[in-house]
Amino acid sequence: MSFRTRLILCFALIVLAPVAVVALGLTRVADEWRSASADAGLASGAETALSVFGEGRAAAAADARAAGRDEALGGSLRRRDVPAAQRAVDRLAGELDLTALSASAPSGATLASVGEAGAPGASEIGVRGRGRLLGHVRAATLRPHRYVAQVSRLTGSEVSLLRGGRV
């Protein structure tokens, strides 16, 4: 092997090999950084979505308590008066700006309802009167399109809400 060939080979081993190793290391670090940044963005978005959902659920709990204190609804639950319960539920859903409100007997049988039965973020409370359980009130305040718009605005990301396998 000639001196020139050995010189080129030594140069390649001494200079080019470490450069290649450094380049591979930097590429791997950059890939991990991008992945970590994406993970952090997703985690932040999920945290924001859960926070907004929690606020909606807390509002639903407060509204369910308010509906449970309503005298007309309480009286209709006590008497199991379905028409009176429906009138009270209709009125309260409008007054409290609810997406769904239902009143049920202690057995779980629905006496009155308005809105979607399985509304997301609903909160249920027991209504008591004279030392006994009169029934249950379930309220929901989250409106899917408002929820998506609020999370999208807060995160700056495109948001989709899936329910039952559909968007």
Foldseek 3Di string as FASTA:
>chain_A
DDPVVVVVVVCCVVPVVVVVVVVVVVVVVVVVVVVVVVVVLVVVLVVLLVVLLVVQLVLQQVLQVVLLPDPQCLVCLQVVPLVSNQVSQVVSCVVSVFQKKWKAAQVRHTSYMDHDPCDPSKDKDFRDDPHDTSTMMITGHDDVVVSQVVSCVVSVDHDDDDDPRHD
